[in-house]
Amino acid sequence: MIKYIIPIIIVLIVIIAVIFVFRNKHLTEMRRLQALKDDLQKKPVQEELAKVKGLNMNGQTEAMFESWKNKWENLDDQEFPKIDNLLHALRGNVDRFQFGKATIVEQEIESHIHGADKIIDQILEELDHLLNSEKQSSIEIEQLQEQYKTSRKTLLAHQYSFGPAARPLEERLELFNPQFEDYHQLTDAGDYLKAREIVEHLNREGQEIFKLISTIPGLLREIQKQIPSDLQELRLGHNEMEETGFFLKHLEILEWIQATELELTELKDKIAELDIGTAELRVQEIREDIEHYFDCLEAEYNSKKYVDQYVTPVGTRLHEVLSYTLATARETEEVQKGYHLTGDEIATPLNCKQELVTVQQRYETIVHELEEHQAAYTMVEGELKEIANDAERIFEEQDAFSDRLKNLRIDENNASDTLKQLTATLRETERRLHKANIPGIPDDIESRLSEADEQLFVADQKLKAVPLDMPEVFEAVKTAELAVTETTKHVDSMIEDVKLVELLIQYGNRYRTTKPGMNDSLVEAEDAFNNMRYSKALEIVAKAVEKAEPGALKKMEELVDEVLSK
C-alpha cells in the first residue's frame, strides 16, 4: 500500500507546486498591470488642463480644450473604473486557479491600458503644443515687429537705393500691420491656435521680404553702376586694341556688350517685380562673362608679343630647312650613283620638300593676314607653334636621312676591312694547316676551306657591284665571317688533335714492349693517323696510354697547349 501512496504524494506535491508557480506568475502580472494603471492616473493631465483653463480661451482653442477635457473625463469616469473591475475579476480568477480565464483578462486589461495611454499622451502633447506655441508666438511676433520696424526705416531712409522696387516693397510691408493687429486680437480673445497660424504666415513672408530688402540695393548697384562701368571699360579696351592693329571680330565683344546692356534694363524690371532670383543668377553669369572677355583680350595682347618675337625667326628657319632639304636631295642623287637606295629612301627628300611647301604656304598665309590685320594673334600663335614644330620634325627626319647616306661610305669601308681581315685569317689558317706536316687534309676540312673561299669571293663581288646594295653586302660579309670562323675553329681543333696523337705515340713507345696490348694499339693508331683519321687515332692511343699510365693524357694535353701557344 505504501508503494502506491508515496508516488501519489509526489504527484500531488508536483501539482501543487505547479499551481503555486502559475498563481505567483499571474499575481506578478496583476501587480504589473495595477502599477501601469496607477502610473496612467498619475500623469499630469489635470494639472496641464488647469494651466490652459487659466488662459482666456476662445474659438478654436476653446473647442480644443473642451475636447481634451471630455476625453480625460471619459477616461477617469469610465475607462479607469473598467480597468479596476477587470483587475478585481483577475484576482478572483487567480484565487480560484482559473489560469486560462486569468490570461484572457490580463490581455484585455493590457489593451485598455494601452488605449488609455495613447489618449493621455495625445492630450498632453496637444496641451504642450498649445502652451508652448503661445509662448513661442509671443517671442516670434516681437522679433517680427522689430524686423518690420528696421526694414521700414531702411526703406524710407534709403529709398533711392531700392529704385523701382521701393514701392512694391512698401506695399508688401504695409500688409504686416493688419496681421499684427489680428494676432493681438486673437491672442486677447484666447484663440491661440489661430494666432499661431498668423505668426507662421508672417514668418514665411518676413523671410522673403527681409531678404529682398537686404539684397536689392546691392543687386541694383551691380546692375546700374558696377556692371555698366565694367562694360564700358571692356568696350574701351576692345576699341583701343582694334585701333592698334588687333583683330578682335571673332570674339564678338561689342555685340555681346550691346545685348547685355539691353538685358540689364530687363533685369531692372525683374527687380521692380521683386523677382531677384533670376536677376541674381544673370548678374553672376554676366560677371563671369566679363571676366572671360577680359581674359580673351589679355590673351590676344600676350599672343601679339609672341608673334612679334617669333614670326620672322620661324620664317627664317623654314627657309633654312628648305635649303637643307634641297641639299639632301642633291646628295641623294650623287649617292644613288654608287649605292642602291630603296624607293622610300629615294622619296624621302621629295616628300619632305612637298610637305615643306605646304608648311611654307601656311606661313605665308598667316603673314599676309597679319599685314592685313585679319588674323587673331591667339590663332596665329598656335599656328606659328605648329609650323615651327613641323619644320623641326622635317629637319630631324632629313638630318637622320643625311646621316644614313654618310654612313653608307663608312659601312662600305667597314665591310671591306672586315673582308680583308677574314681573307687574311683564312690564309693564315691554310698556312698553319700546311705547316703542321700531316699525312694529309681530310675531305671535310677541304670542303670547309673551299666553302669559306667561296663566301669570301661572293662578298668581294658584292662589294664591287655598282651601285652597291649595302644590305646584301652586310649579309654576304656576315655569311663569309661565319664560314671563316667555323673553318678556322675546325682546323685548329684538328691540328691540336694531330699534335696530341704524335706526342702520345712517342710517349707510348716506352711501354710498347712492357705493356700487353700497347704495341697493337700503337700500330692501330698509327694506321688510322696515316689514313687521315686523326680523331680515331687520338681515341685509340689516348685510351692505351692512359691505361698504361693514368694521368699521362692530361700531361700531354698541357704540353700541346704550351707548344701551340708559342
Protein backbone atom coordinates (compact mmCIF):
# COMPACT_ATOMS: atom_id res chain seq x y z
CA MET A 1 0.00 0.00 0.00
CA ILE A 2 2.87 2.32 0.89
CA LYS A 3 4.42 1.86 -2.53
CA TYR A 4 1.30 3.47 -4.10
CA ILE A 5 0.87 6.22 -1.52
CA ILE A 6 4.37 7.68 -1.98
CA PRO A 7 4.06 8.24 -5.77
CA ILE A 8 0.62 9.71 -5.25
CA ILE A 9 2.01 12.10 -2.66
CA ILE A 10 4.86 13.05 -5.01
CA VAL A 11 2.43 13.73 -7.88
CA LEU A 12 0.24 15.81 -5.57
CA ILE A 13 3.26 17.82 -4.44
CA VAL A 14 4.27 18.45 -8.05
CA ILE A 15 0.74 19.50 -8.98
CA ILE A 16 0.55 21.85 -6.01
CA ALA A 17 3.97 23.29 -6.87
CA VAL A 18 2.93 23.90 -10.49
CA ILE A 19 -0.32 25.50 -9.31
CA PHE A 20 1.55 27.84 -6.99
CA VAL A 21 4.07 28.71 -9.73
CA PHE A 22 1.27 29.68 -12.14
CA ARG A 23 -0.56 31.53 -9.35
CA ASN A 24 2.53 33.55 -8.49
CA LYS A 25 3.11 34.30 -12.17
CA HIS A 26 -0.39 35.72 -12.59
CA LEU A 27 -0.18 37.61 -9.31
CA THR A 28 3.04 39.23 -10.54
CA GLU A 29 1.37 40.16 -13.83
CA MET A 30 -1.64 41.55 -11.91
CA ARG A 31 0.65 43.75 -9.83
CA ARG A 32 2.40 44.97 -13.01
CA LEU A 33 -0.91 45.88 -14.65
CA GLN A 34 -2.06 47.64 -11.47
CA ALA A 35 1.16 49.68 -11.46
CA LEU A 36 0.66 50.64 -15.12
CA LYS A 37 -2.88 51.77 -14.41
CA ASP A 38 -1.72 53.79 -11.36
CA ASP A 39 1.01 55.44 -13.48
CA LEU A 40 -1.62 56.46 -16.04
CA GLN A 41 -3.72 58.15 -13.38
CA LYS A 42 -0.65 59.97 -12.06
CA LYS A 43 0.13 61.63 -15.42
CA PRO A 44 -0.34 65.42 -15.05
CA VAL A 45 -3.30 65.77 -17.40
CA GLN A 46 -5.42 67.55 -14.79
CA GLU A 47 -2.63 70.00 -13.96
CA GLU A 48 -1.99 70.81 -17.62
CA LEU A 49 -5.71 71.31 -18.25
CA ALA A 50 -5.75 73.69 -15.29
CA LYS A 51 -2.95 75.74 -16.88
CA VAL A 52 -4.88 76.04 -20.13
CA LYS A 53 -8.10 76.76 -18.27
CA GLY A 54 -6.33 79.78 -16.76
CA LEU A 55 -5.90 81.22 -20.23
CA ASN A 56 -8.50 83.42 -21.84
CA MET A 57 -9.74 80.93 -24.43
CA ASN A 58 -11.94 81.42 -27.41
CA GLY A 59 -12.69 79.95 -30.82
CA GLN A 60 -10.55 77.04 -31.91
CA THR A 61 -8.58 76.99 -28.65
CA GLU A 62 -11.74 76.73 -26.57
CA ALA A 63 -13.06 73.91 -28.76
CA MET A 64 -9.80 72.02 -28.41
CA PHE A 65 -9.85 72.50 -24.61
CA GLU A 66 -13.36 71.04 -24.36
CA SER A 67 -12.25 68.07 -26.47
CA TRP A 68 -9.29 67.38 -24.16
CA LYS A 69 -11.40 67.81 -21.06
CA ASN A 70 -14.08 65.39 -22.33
CA LYS A 71 -11.51 62.77 -23.25
CA TRP A 72 -9.92 62.95 -19.80
CA GLU A 73 -13.24 62.83 -18.01
CA ASN A 74 -14.23 59.78 -20.12
CA LEU A 75 -11.04 58.05 -19.05
CA ASP A 76 -11.47 59.00 -15.40
CA ASP A 77 -15.20 58.14 -15.22
CA GLN A 78 -15.37 55.06 -17.42
CA GLU A 79 -12.05 53.61 -18.57
CA PHE A 80 -10.22 53.57 -15.25
CA PRO A 81 -13.19 52.02 -13.35
CA LYS A 82 -13.48 49.42 -16.11
CA ILE A 83 -9.80 48.56 -15.62
CA ASP A 84 -10.35 48.34 -11.82
CA ASN A 85 -13.25 45.91 -12.36
CA LEU A 86 -11.14 43.77 -14.68
CA LEU A 87 -8.31 43.73 -12.12
CA HIS A 88 -10.80 42.59 -9.46
CA ALA A 89 -12.05 39.85 -11.77
CA LEU A 90 -8.44 38.85 -12.47
CA ARG A 91 -7.85 38.45 -8.72
CA GLY A 92 -10.86 36.17 -8.43
CA ASN A 93 -9.73 34.02 -11.36
CA VAL A 94 -6.27 33.62 -9.83
CA ASP A 95 -7.67 32.77 -6.40
CA ARG A 96 -9.89 30.12 -7.99
CA PHE A 97 -6.92 28.82 -10.02
CA GLN A 98 -8.72 29.66 -13.27
CA PHE A 99 -5.46 30.50 -15.04
CA GLY A 100 -6.85 30.27 -18.60
CA LYS A 101 -9.53 32.88 -17.86
CA ALA A 102 -6.91 34.94 -15.99
CA THR A 103 -4.72 35.11 -19.12
CA ILE A 104 -7.67 36.36 -21.23
CA VAL A 105 -8.50 39.04 -18.65
CA GLU A 106 -4.82 40.12 -18.48
CA GLN A 107 -4.79 40.63 -22.24
CA GLU A 108 -7.99 42.70 -22.05
CA ILE A 109 -6.57 44.87 -19.25
CA GLU A 110 -3.34 45.38 -21.27
CA SER A 111 -5.41 46.51 -24.27
CA HIS A 112 -7.42 49.04 -22.19
CA ILE A 113 -4.26 50.42 -20.56
CA HIS A 114 -2.53 50.80 -23.94
CA GLY A 115 -5.55 52.62 -25.43
CA ALA A 116 -5.84 54.95 -22.44
CA ASP A 117 -2.08 55.65 -22.56
CA LYS A 118 -2.28 56.71 -26.21
CA ILE A 119 -5.17 59.07 -25.49
CA ILE A 120 -3.37 60.62 -22.50
CA ASP A 121 -0.12 61.10 -24.46
CA GLN A 122 -2.06 62.78 -27.28
CA ILE A 123 -3.80 65.12 -24.84
CA LEU A 124 -0.52 66.05 -23.12
CA GLU A 125 1.23 66.58 -26.47
CA GLU A 126 -1.51 68.87 -27.76
CA LEU A 127 -1.66 70.73 -24.44
CA ASP A 128 2.11 71.21 -24.54
CA HIS A 129 1.92 72.43 -28.13
CA LEU A 130 -0.75 74.95 -27.19
CA LEU A 131 1.12 76.29 -24.15
CA ASN A 132 4.49 76.40 -25.97
CA SER A 133 3.02 77.85 -29.15
CA GLU A 134 1.54 80.71 -27.15
CA LYS A 135 4.97 81.46 -25.64
CA GLN A 136 6.79 80.90 -28.94
CA SER A 137 4.32 83.04 -30.84
CA SER A 138 4.81 85.86 -28.36
CA ILE A 139 8.61 85.73 -28.82
CA GLU A 140 8.44 85.46 -32.60
CA ILE A 141 5.88 88.23 -33.02
CA GLU A 142 8.16 90.59 -31.10
CA GLN A 143 11.09 89.68 -33.34
CA LEU A 144 8.95 90.14 -36.46
CA GLN A 145 7.74 93.54 -35.27
CA GLU A 146 11.34 94.61 -34.61
CA GLN A 147 12.48 93.42 -38.04
CA TYR A 148 9.48 95.14 -39.61
CA LYS A 149 10.38 98.47 -37.94
CA THR A 150 14.03 98.15 -39.02
CA SER A 151 13.01 97.32 -42.59
CA ARG A 152 10.59 100.27 -42.74
CA LYS A 153 13.32 102.63 -41.55
CA THR A 154 15.82 101.24 -44.06
CA LEU A 155 13.31 101.54 -46.89
CA LEU A 156 12.38 105.12 -46.00
CA ALA A 157 15.94 106.29 -45.31
CA HIS A 158 17.47 104.73 -48.46
CA GLN A 159 14.53 104.70 -50.81
CA TYR A 160 16.70 105.71 -53.78
CA SER A 161 18.78 102.54 -53.28
CA PHE A 162 15.75 100.38 -54.00
CA GLY A 163 14.85 102.10 -57.25
CA PRO A 164 11.62 100.82 -58.84
CA ALA A 165 11.40 98.08 -56.17
CA ALA A 166 10.77 100.61 -53.38
CA ARG A 167 7.03 100.92 -53.98
CA PRO A 168 6.31 97.16 -54.24
CA LEU A 169 8.36 96.60 -51.08
CA GLU A 170 6.36 99.26 -49.21
CA GLU A 171 3.13 97.63 -50.31
CA ARG A 172 4.31 94.25 -49.08
CA LEU A 173 5.38 95.73 -45.74
CA GLU A 174 2.05 97.52 -45.31
CA LEU A 175 0.36 94.11 -45.20
CA PHE A 176 2.20 93.30 -41.95
CA ASN A 177 0.41 95.80 -39.68
CA PRO A 178 -3.12 94.41 -40.15
CA GLN A 179 -1.81 90.93 -39.44
CA PHE A 180 -0.04 92.16 -36.29
CA GLU A 181 -3.37 93.59 -35.13
CA ASP A 182 -5.19 90.34 -35.98
CA TYR A 183 -2.63 88.40 -33.96
CA HIS A 184 -3.09 90.55 -30.86
CA GLN A 185 -6.88 90.44 -31.19
CA LEU A 186 -6.89 86.66 -31.45
CA THR A 187 -4.46 86.38 -28.53
CA ASP A 188 -6.57 88.70 -26.39
CA ALA A 189 -9.65 86.69 -27.35
CA GLY A 190 -7.88 83.45 -26.37
CA ASP A 191 -7.76 81.92 -29.88
CA TYR A 192 -4.07 80.99 -29.60
CA LEU A 193 -4.07 78.37 -32.33
CA LYS A 194 -5.46 80.78 -34.90
CA ALA A 195 -2.95 83.39 -33.71
CA ARG A 196 -0.16 80.84 -34.22
CA GLU A 197 -1.20 80.40 -37.85
CA ILE A 198 -0.79 84.15 -38.39
CA VAL A 199 2.71 84.07 -36.83
CA GLU A 200 3.77 81.21 -39.08
CA HIS A 201 2.46 83.05 -42.14
CA LEU A 202 4.29 86.24 -41.10
CA ASN A 203 7.49 84.25 -40.57
CA ARG A 204 7.35 82.93 -44.13
CA GLU A 205 6.51 86.34 -45.55
CA GLY A 206 9.16 88.00 -43.38
CA GLN A 207 11.94 85.69 -44.53
CA GLU A 208 11.21 86.64 -48.11
CA ILE A 209 10.62 90.39 -47.72
CA PHE A 210 13.55 90.96 -45.33
CA LYS A 211 15.86 89.13 -47.72
CA LEU A 212 14.63 91.33 -50.58
CA ILE A 213 15.34 94.47 -48.56
CA SER A 214 18.88 93.31 -47.71
CA THR A 215 19.67 92.07 -51.25
CA ILE A 216 18.08 94.50 -53.69
CA PRO A 217 20.31 97.59 -53.05
CA GLY A 218 23.48 95.64 -53.79
CA LEU A 219 21.89 93.93 -56.79
CA LEU A 220 20.71 97.26 -58.21
CA ARG A 221 24.15 98.75 -57.60
CA GLU A 222 25.64 95.93 -59.70
CA ILE A 223 23.08 96.38 -62.49
CA GLN A 224 23.03 100.20 -62.57
CA LYS A 225 26.66 101.07 -61.80
CA GLN A 226 29.26 98.36 -61.46
CA ILE A 227 28.41 96.21 -64.48
CA PRO A 228 27.84 99.21 -66.83
CA SER A 229 31.21 100.57 -65.67
CA ASP A 230 32.90 97.25 -66.37
CA LEU A 231 31.18 97.03 -69.75
CA GLN A 232 32.43 100.50 -70.65
CA GLU A 233 35.94 99.56 -69.58
CA LEU A 234 35.72 96.40 -71.71
CA ARG A 235 34.45 98.43 -74.70
CA LEU A 236 37.28 100.98 -74.37
CA GLY A 237 39.91 98.24 -74.09
CA HIS A 238 38.45 96.49 -77.13
CA ASN A 239 38.42 99.68 -79.21
CA GLU A 240 41.95 100.69 -78.21
CA MET A 241 43.30 97.29 -79.18
CA GLU A 242 41.49 97.35 -82.53
CA GLU A 243 42.93 100.82 -83.24
CA THR A 244 46.44 99.45 -82.65
CA GLY A 245 46.00 96.61 -85.14
CA PHE A 246 44.43 93.78 -83.15
CA PHE A 247 41.86 91.61 -84.95
CA LEU A 248 39.03 91.00 -82.45
CA LYS A 249 35.93 90.42 -84.57
CA HIS A 250 35.94 86.70 -83.82
CA LEU A 251 35.30 87.47 -80.13
CA GLU A 252 32.09 89.45 -80.92
CA ILE A 253 32.63 91.52 -77.78
CA LEU A 254 30.79 94.67 -78.93
CA GLU A 255 27.72 92.63 -79.91
CA TRP A 256 27.72 90.95 -76.52
CA ILE A 257 28.10 94.28 -74.69
CA GLN A 258 25.14 95.76 -76.57
CA ALA A 259 22.95 92.74 -75.83
CA THR A 260 23.99 92.78 -72.17
CA GLU A 261 23.16 96.49 -71.77
CA LEU A 262 19.65 95.78 -73.07
CA GLU A 263 19.36 92.81 -70.71
CA LEU A 264 20.33 94.98 -67.72
CA THR A 265 17.18 97.04 -68.34
CA GLU A 266 15.12 93.84 -68.32
CA LEU A 267 16.80 92.73 -65.08
CA LYS A 268 15.93 96.06 -63.52
CA ASP A 269 12.29 95.39 -64.43
CA LYS A 270 12.58 91.96 -62.82
CA ILE A 271 13.76 93.58 -59.60
CA ALA A 272 10.82 96.03 -59.78
CA GLU A 273 8.65 92.88 -59.80
CA LEU A 274 10.68 91.61 -56.80
CA ASP A 275 11.93 88.66 -58.88
CA ILE A 276 15.52 88.70 -57.63
CA GLY A 277 16.22 85.00 -58.22
CA THR A 278 16.51 85.49 -61.97
CA ALA A 279 18.43 88.76 -61.54
CA GLU A 280 20.98 87.25 -59.11
CA LEU A 281 21.69 84.33 -61.43
CA ARG A 282 22.12 86.50 -64.52
CA VAL A 283 24.30 89.06 -62.70
CA GLN A 284 26.65 86.24 -61.67
CA GLU A 285 26.73 84.90 -65.23
CA ILE A 286 27.38 88.38 -66.68
CA ARG A 287 30.22 88.87 -64.19
CA GLU A 288 31.80 85.60 -65.34
CA ASP A 289 31.38 86.60 -69.00
CA ILE A 290 33.03 89.98 -68.40
CA GLU A 291 35.99 88.25 -66.74
CA HIS A 292 36.17 85.81 -69.67
CA TYR A 293 36.28 88.61 -72.25
CA PHE A 294 38.98 90.48 -70.33
CA ASP A 295 40.96 87.23 -70.28
CA CYS A 296 40.48 86.96 -74.06
CA LEU A 297 41.82 90.48 -74.61
CA GLU A 298 44.79 89.75 -72.36
CA ALA A 299 45.45 86.53 -74.27
CA GLU A 300 45.43 88.47 -77.56
CA TYR A 301 47.89 91.01 -76.10
CA ASN A 302 50.26 88.27 -74.87
CA SER A 303 49.98 86.38 -78.16
CA LYS A 304 50.95 89.55 -80.07
CA LYS A 305 54.19 89.70 -78.10
CA TYR A 306 54.90 86.09 -79.00
CA VAL A 307 54.04 86.61 -82.68
CA ASP A 308 56.14 89.78 -82.94
CA GLN A 309 59.09 87.90 -81.41
CA TYR A 310 58.89 84.67 -83.42
CA VAL A 311 57.18 85.30 -86.77
CA THR A 312 60.44 86.27 -88.52
CA PRO A 313 62.64 83.57 -86.90
CA VAL A 314 60.09 80.91 -87.88
CA GLY A 315 60.18 82.11 -91.49
CA THR A 316 63.98 82.09 -91.44
CA ARG A 317 64.01 78.58 -90.02
CA LEU A 318 61.61 77.40 -92.71
CA HIS A 319 63.96 78.77 -95.37
CA GLU A 320 66.94 77.01 -93.74
CA VAL A 321 65.11 73.68 -93.59
CA LEU A 322 64.02 74.01 -97.21
CA SER A 323 67.62 74.73 -98.29
CA TYR A 324 68.80 71.75 -96.28
CA THR A 325 66.15 69.58 -97.95
CA LEU A 326 67.30 70.64 -101.42
CA ALA A 327 70.90 69.88 -100.47
CA THR A 328 69.84 66.47 -99.18
CA ALA A 329 68.02 65.81 -102.47
CA ARG A 330 71.22 66.61 -104.43
CA GLU A 331 73.24 64.44 -102.06
CA THR A 332 70.75 61.61 -102.62
CA GLU A 333 71.22 61.84 -106.39
CA GLU A 334 75.00 61.60 -106.01
CA VAL A 335 74.85 58.72 -103.55
CA GLN A 336 72.40 56.87 -105.77
CA LYS A 337 75.09 56.61 -108.44
CA GLY A 338 77.26 54.47 -106.19
CA TYR A 339 74.76 52.85 -103.83
CA HIS A 340 71.46 51.11 -104.18
CA LEU A 341 68.69 53.03 -102.34
CA THR A 342 65.15 51.81 -101.62
CA GLY A 343 62.13 53.54 -103.10
CA ASP A 344 61.26 55.02 -99.67
CA GLU A 345 64.78 56.37 -99.25
CA ILE A 346 64.79 57.97 -102.70
CA ALA A 347 61.36 59.51 -101.98
CA THR A 348 62.36 60.95 -98.58
CA PRO A 349 63.78 64.30 -99.80
CA LEU A 350 60.91 64.74 -102.26
CA ASN A 351 58.26 64.04 -99.63
CA CYS A 352 59.93 66.42 -97.19
CA LYS A 353 60.12 69.10 -99.87
CA GLN A 354 56.42 68.75 -100.71
CA GLU A 355 55.47 68.91 -97.04
CA LEU A 356 57.68 71.96 -96.55
CA VAL A 357 55.97 73.71 -99.47
CA THR A 358 52.62 73.18 -97.75
CA VAL A 359 54.01 74.48 -94.45
CA GLN A 360 55.53 77.47 -96.27
CA GLN A 361 52.12 78.27 -97.77
CA ARG A 362 50.54 78.19 -94.31
CA TYR A 363 53.25 80.54 -93.07
CA GLU A 364 52.79 82.97 -95.95
CA THR A 365 49.02 82.95 -95.37
CA ILE A 366 49.31 83.99 -91.71
CA VAL A 367 51.93 86.64 -92.59
CA HIS A 368 49.53 88.09 -95.17
CA GLU A 369 46.66 88.03 -92.64
CA LEU A 370 48.87 89.81 -90.10
CA GLU A 371 49.74 92.51 -92.64
CA GLU A 372 46.05 92.98 -93.42
CA HIS A 373 45.09 92.83 -89.70
CA GLN A 374 42.72 89.96 -90.44
CA ALA A 375 44.02 87.35 -88.01
CA ALA A 376 43.64 86.94 -84.25
CA TYR A 377 47.02 86.81 -82.55
CA THR A 378 45.97 83.85 -80.37
CA MET A 379 45.18 81.85 -83.51
CA VAL A 380 48.40 83.00 -85.20
CA GLU A 381 50.43 82.00 -82.13
CA GLY A 382 49.00 78.49 -82.25
CA GLU A 383 49.61 78.24 -85.99
CA LEU A 384 53.18 79.54 -85.64
CA LYS A 385 53.95 76.94 -82.99
CA GLU A 386 52.58 74.17 -85.21
CA ILE A 387 54.63 75.45 -88.19
CA ALA A 388 57.78 75.62 -86.05
CA ASN A 389 57.19 72.08 -84.79
CA ASP A 390 56.56 70.80 -88.33
CA ALA A 391 59.76 72.47 -89.59
CA GLU A 392 61.84 70.89 -86.80
CA ARG A 393 60.26 67.48 -87.37
CA ILE A 394 61.04 67.64 -91.11
CA PHE A 395 64.57 68.85 -90.37
CA GLU A 396 65.19 65.96 -87.95
CA GLU A 397 63.86 63.48 -90.49
CA GLN A 398 66.15 64.97 -93.15
CA ASP A 399 69.12 65.07 -90.78
CA ALA A 400 68.66 61.41 -89.86
CA PHE A 401 68.39 60.52 -93.58
CA SER A 402 71.52 62.54 -94.39
CA ASP A 403 73.39 60.65 -91.65
CA ARG A 404 72.28 57.37 -93.23
CA LEU A 405 73.70 58.49 -96.59
CA LYS A 406 77.02 59.47 -95.00
CA ASN A 407 77.15 56.16 -93.16
CA LEU A 408 76.92 54.23 -96.45
CA ARG A 409 80.58 55.06 -97.24
CA ILE A 410 81.60 54.24 -93.67
CA ASP A 411 79.68 50.97 -93.82
CA GLU A 412 81.34 50.13 -97.19
CA ASN A 413 84.82 50.72 -95.75
CA ASN A 414 83.99 48.69 -92.66
CA ALA A 415 82.72 45.81 -94.81
CA SER A 416 85.87 45.98 -97.00
CA ASP A 417 88.14 45.98 -93.94
CA THR A 418 86.25 43.07 -92.44
CA LEU A 419 86.53 41.12 -95.68
CA LYS A 420 90.30 41.75 -95.85
CA GLN A 421 90.71 40.61 -92.27
CA LEU A 422 88.66 37.46 -92.94
CA THR A 423 90.76 36.68 -96.05
CA ALA A 424 93.95 37.10 -94.02
CA THR A 425 92.57 34.86 -91.30
CA LEU A 426 91.69 32.11 -93.79
CA ARG A 427 95.13 32.31 -95.46
CA GLU A 428 96.82 32.10 -92.07
CA THR A 429 94.71 29.05 -91.27
CA GLU A 430 95.75 27.40 -94.51
CA ARG A 431 99.43 28.23 -93.76
CA ARG A 432 99.23 26.64 -90.33
CA LEU A 433 97.49 23.64 -91.82
CA HIS A 434 100.30 23.03 -94.35
CA LYS A 435 102.97 23.81 -91.75
CA ALA A 436 101.54 21.12 -89.48
CA ASN A 437 103.31 18.43 -91.64
CA ILE A 438 100.44 16.00 -91.50
CA PRO A 439 99.84 13.00 -93.77
CA GLY A 440 97.01 14.79 -95.50
CA ILE A 441 93.96 17.08 -95.17
CA PRO A 442 90.62 15.34 -94.53
CA ASP A 443 87.80 15.88 -97.01
CA ASP A 444 85.57 17.77 -94.54
CA ILE A 445 88.36 20.28 -93.85
CA GLU A 446 88.99 20.68 -97.58
CA SER A 447 85.26 21.25 -98.06
CA ARG A 448 85.14 23.88 -95.32
CA LEU A 449 88.16 25.70 -96.73
CA SER A 450 86.58 25.70 -100.18
CA GLU A 451 83.25 26.95 -98.78
CA ALA A 452 84.97 29.77 -96.87
CA ASP A 453 86.87 30.80 -100.03
CA GLU A 454 83.62 30.79 -101.97
CA GLN A 455 81.85 33.01 -99.41
CA LEU A 456 84.76 35.46 -99.38
CA PHE A 457 84.58 35.62 -103.19
CA VAL A 458 80.79 36.26 -103.09
CA ALA A 459 81.21 39.05 -100.53
CA ASP A 460 84.02 40.58 -102.60
CA GLN A 461 81.82 40.54 -105.70
CA LYS A 462 79.02 42.24 -103.75
CA LEU A 463 81.45 44.98 -102.73
CA LYS A 464 82.47 45.50 -106.35
CA ALA A 465 78.90 45.80 -107.63
CA VAL A 466 77.66 49.19 -108.89
CA PRO A 467 75.50 50.51 -107.40
CA LEU A 468 76.30 48.92 -104.05
CA ASP A 469 73.45 47.22 -102.23
CA MET A 470 74.70 47.56 -98.65
CA PRO A 471 72.11 45.23 -97.07
CA GLU A 472 73.25 42.50 -99.47
CA VAL A 473 76.91 43.33 -98.73
CA PHE A 474 76.26 43.09 -94.98
CA GLU A 475 74.57 39.72 -95.42
CA ALA A 476 77.38 38.36 -97.62
CA VAL A 477 80.10 39.56 -95.23
CA LYS A 478 78.20 38.05 -92.30
CA THR A 479 77.93 34.67 -94.11
CA ALA A 480 81.64 34.77 -95.04
CA GLU A 481 82.60 35.62 -91.46
CA LEU A 482 80.63 32.65 -90.16
CA ALA A 483 82.25 30.31 -92.72
CA VAL A 484 85.81 31.51 -91.96
CA THR A 485 85.23 31.34 -88.19
CA GLU A 486 83.85 27.78 -88.33
CA THR A 487 86.63 26.66 -90.69
CA THR A 488 89.36 28.12 -88.51
CA LYS A 489 87.82 26.51 -85.44
CA HIS A 490 87.76 23.04 -87.05
CA VAL A 491 91.30 23.39 -88.49
CA ASP A 492 92.70 24.47 -85.10
CA SER A 493 90.94 21.60 -83.41
CA MET A 494 92.32 19.11 -85.97
CA ILE A 495 95.92 20.44 -85.65
CA GLU A 496 95.64 20.16 -81.87
CA ASP A 497 94.46 16.54 -82.22
CA VAL A 498 97.38 15.74 -84.60
CA LYS A 499 99.99 17.16 -82.22
CA LEU A 500 98.44 15.27 -79.32
CA VAL A 501 98.42 11.97 -81.30
CA GLU A 502 102.09 12.40 -82.20
CA LEU A 503 103.09 13.10 -78.59
CA LEU A 504 101.01 10.23 -77.24
CA ILE A 505 102.52 7.73 -79.75
CA GLN A 506 106.01 8.89 -78.79
CA TYR A 507 105.09 8.59 -75.10
CA GLY A 508 103.51 5.18 -75.65
CA ASN A 509 106.64 3.80 -77.28
CA ARG A 510 108.20 3.43 -73.83
CA TYR A 511 105.50 0.90 -72.97
CA ARG A 512 105.37 -0.81 -76.39
CA THR A 513 107.20 -3.92 -75.14
CA THR A 514 106.35 -3.79 -71.46
CA LYS A 515 102.61 -3.34 -71.51
CA PRO A 516 100.47 -6.04 -73.06
CA GLY A 517 98.39 -4.80 -75.98
CA MET A 518 100.27 -1.46 -76.20
CA ASN A 519 102.05 -2.42 -79.44
CA ASP A 520 98.79 -3.41 -81.12
CA SER A 521 97.13 -0.19 -80.04
CA LEU A 522 100.00 1.95 -81.28
CA VAL A 523 100.05 0.12 -84.63
CA GLU A 524 96.27 0.64 -84.98
CA ALA A 525 96.59 4.32 -84.05
CA GLU A 526 99.48 4.88 -86.48
CA ASP A 527 97.43 3.23 -89.23
CA ALA A 528 94.42 5.49 -88.54
CA PHE A 529 96.76 8.53 -88.39
CA ASN A 530 98.35 7.74 -91.74
CA ASN A 531 94.88 7.37 -93.25
CA MET A 532 93.96 10.95 -92.01
CA ARG A 533 91.55 9.58 -89.39
CA TYR A 534 93.04 11.81 -86.72
CA SER A 535 90.12 11.72 -84.27
CA LYS A 536 90.06 7.87 -84.37
CA ALA A 537 93.83 7.70 -83.89
CA LEU A 538 93.56 10.03 -80.87
CA GLU A 539 90.82 7.93 -79.35
CA ILE A 540 92.86 4.68 -79.67
CA VAL A 541 96.23 5.97 -78.45
CA ALA A 542 94.75 8.10 -75.62
CA LYS A 543 92.91 5.05 -74.23
CA ALA A 544 96.04 2.84 -74.42
CA VAL A 545 98.46 5.38 -72.86
CA GLU A 546 96.02 6.39 -70.08
CA LYS A 547 95.59 2.69 -69.24
CA ALA A 548 99.34 2.19 -69.08
CA GLU A 549 99.96 5.36 -67.09
CA PRO A 550 96.93 7.14 -65.59
CA GLY A 551 97.30 10.93 -65.89
CA ALA A 552 99.57 10.78 -68.92
CA LEU A 553 96.81 12.15 -71.22
CA LYS A 554 96.44 15.30 -69.16
CA LYS A 555 100.22 15.93 -69.19
CA MET A 556 100.29 15.54 -72.99
CA GLU A 557 97.33 17.94 -73.41
CA GLU A 558 99.14 20.56 -71.32
CA LEU A 559 102.27 20.06 -73.40
CA VAL A 560 100.33 20.51 -76.64
CA ASP A 561 98.78 23.72 -75.33
CA GLU A 562 102.25 25.00 -74.44
CA VAL A 563 103.68 24.12 -77.88
CA LEU A 564 100.78 25.61 -79.86
CA SER A 565 100.72 28.82 -77.83
CA LYS A 566 104.29 29.66 -78.79
